[in-house]
Amino acid sequence: MLKIEKQKTQIEHGKLQIEVERLKKDKRKKTLHAATAKPGTKLNTVKLPKLDFSKFSGQLLKWLEFWDSFDSAVPPMNHRAQ
């Protein structure tokens, strides 16, 4: 019984080591992303509103109805990114 408990402990330890390595890798990615941004620029995060329109069913006769709904829900992009 003691041998099984020791094996379980080793497995859990291995899982924790894998998780630590994954977290380190994620942190390096974020650091790299921040380092590659132009100096003086902020990393932009924007929370967009949830759009409320039906998913297109694929029925061609319903296309205009879907498009009108989509077109009225999504504002046009009349500006250029600076």
Protein backbone atom coordinates (compact mmCIF):
# COMPACT_ATOMS: atom_id res chain seq x y z
CA MET A 1 0.00 0.00 0.00
CA LEU A 2 2.86 2.39 0.81
CA LYS A 3 4.36 1.79 -2.62
CA ILE A 4 1.09 2.82 -4.33
CA GLU A 5 0.88 5.99 -2.24
CA LYS A 6 4.46 6.84 -3.16
CA GLN A 7 3.67 6.36 -6.85
CA LYS A 8 0.57 8.58 -6.53
CA THR A 9 2.68 11.25 -4.88
CA GLN A 10 5.27 11.04 -7.66
CA ILE A 11 2.55 11.35 -10.30
CA GLU A 12 1.04 14.39 -8.58
CA HIS A 13 4.49 15.93 -8.28
CA GLY A 14 5.04 15.36 -12.00
CA LYS A 15 1.70 16.99 -12.81
CA LEU A 16 2.63 20.01 -10.71
CA GLN A 17 5.99 20.32 -12.45
CA ILE A 18 4.26 20.24 -15.84
CA GLU A 19 1.82 22.95 -14.72
CA VAL A 20 4.69 25.11 -13.43
CA GLU A 21 6.47 24.80 -16.79
CA ARG A 22 3.26 25.67 -18.65
CA LEU A 23 2.76 28.78 -16.49
CA LYS A 24 6.38 29.83 -17.05
CA LYS A 25 5.94 29.41 -20.80
CA ASP A 26 2.73 31.50 -20.75
CA LYS A 27 4.50 34.21 -18.77
CA ARG A 28 7.39 34.25 -21.27
CA LYS A 29 4.91 34.61 -24.15
CA LYS A 30 3.22 37.57 -22.45
CA THR A 31 6.57 39.17 -21.68
CA LEU A 32 7.69 38.68 -25.28
CA HIS A 33 4.45 40.16 -26.58
CA ALA A 34 4.85 43.20 -24.35
CA ALA A 35 8.51 43.55 -25.33
CA THR A 36 7.71 43.55 -29.04
CA ALA A 37 5.22 46.42 -28.74
CA LYS A 38 6.50 49.79 -29.86
CA PRO A 39 7.89 51.90 -27.02
CA GLY A 40 5.33 54.33 -25.64
CA THR A 41 2.35 52.37 -26.92
CA LYS A 42 -0.19 50.74 -24.69
CA LEU A 43 -1.38 47.21 -25.25
CA ASN A 44 -5.01 47.77 -26.10
CA THR A 45 -7.72 45.55 -24.78
CA VAL A 46 -11.26 46.36 -25.68
CA LYS A 47 -14.39 44.64 -24.46
CA LEU A 48 -16.82 44.66 -27.36
CA PRO A 49 -20.56 44.41 -26.85
CA LYS A 50 -22.27 41.14 -27.64
CA LEU A 51 -24.06 41.36 -30.97
CA ASP A 52 -27.64 40.17 -31.07
CA PHE A 53 -28.65 38.71 -34.42
CA SER A 54 -29.62 35.25 -35.64
CA LYS A 55 -27.14 32.86 -37.19
CA PHE A 56 -27.62 32.40 -40.94
CA SER A 57 -29.54 29.20 -41.57
CA GLY A 58 -28.12 28.62 -45.05
CA GLN A 59 -31.49 29.05 -46.73
CA LEU A 60 -30.96 31.39 -49.67
CA LEU A 61 -34.47 32.79 -49.39
CA LYS A 62 -33.61 33.98 -45.86
CA TRP A 63 -30.33 35.65 -46.89
CA LEU A 64 -31.65 39.21 -47.22
CA GLU A 65 -33.42 38.97 -43.87
CA PHE A 66 -30.19 37.77 -42.25
CA TRP A 67 -28.05 40.38 -44.01
CA ASP A 68 -30.35 43.24 -43.00
CA SER A 69 -30.19 42.06 -39.38
CA PHE A 70 -26.40 41.72 -39.52
CA ASP A 71 -25.90 45.02 -41.33
CA SER A 72 -27.98 46.93 -38.80
CA ALA A 73 -26.18 45.28 -35.84
CA VAL A 74 -22.61 45.85 -37.07
CA PRO A 75 -21.56 49.48 -37.49
CA PRO A 76 -19.63 50.33 -40.65
CA MET A 77 -15.87 50.75 -40.39
CA ASN A 78 -15.41 54.22 -41.86
CA HIS A 79 -12.23 55.04 -39.98
CA ARG A 80 -8.60 54.12 -40.50
CA ALA A 81 -6.45 52.64 -37.77
CA GLN A 82 -3.78 55.07 -36.73
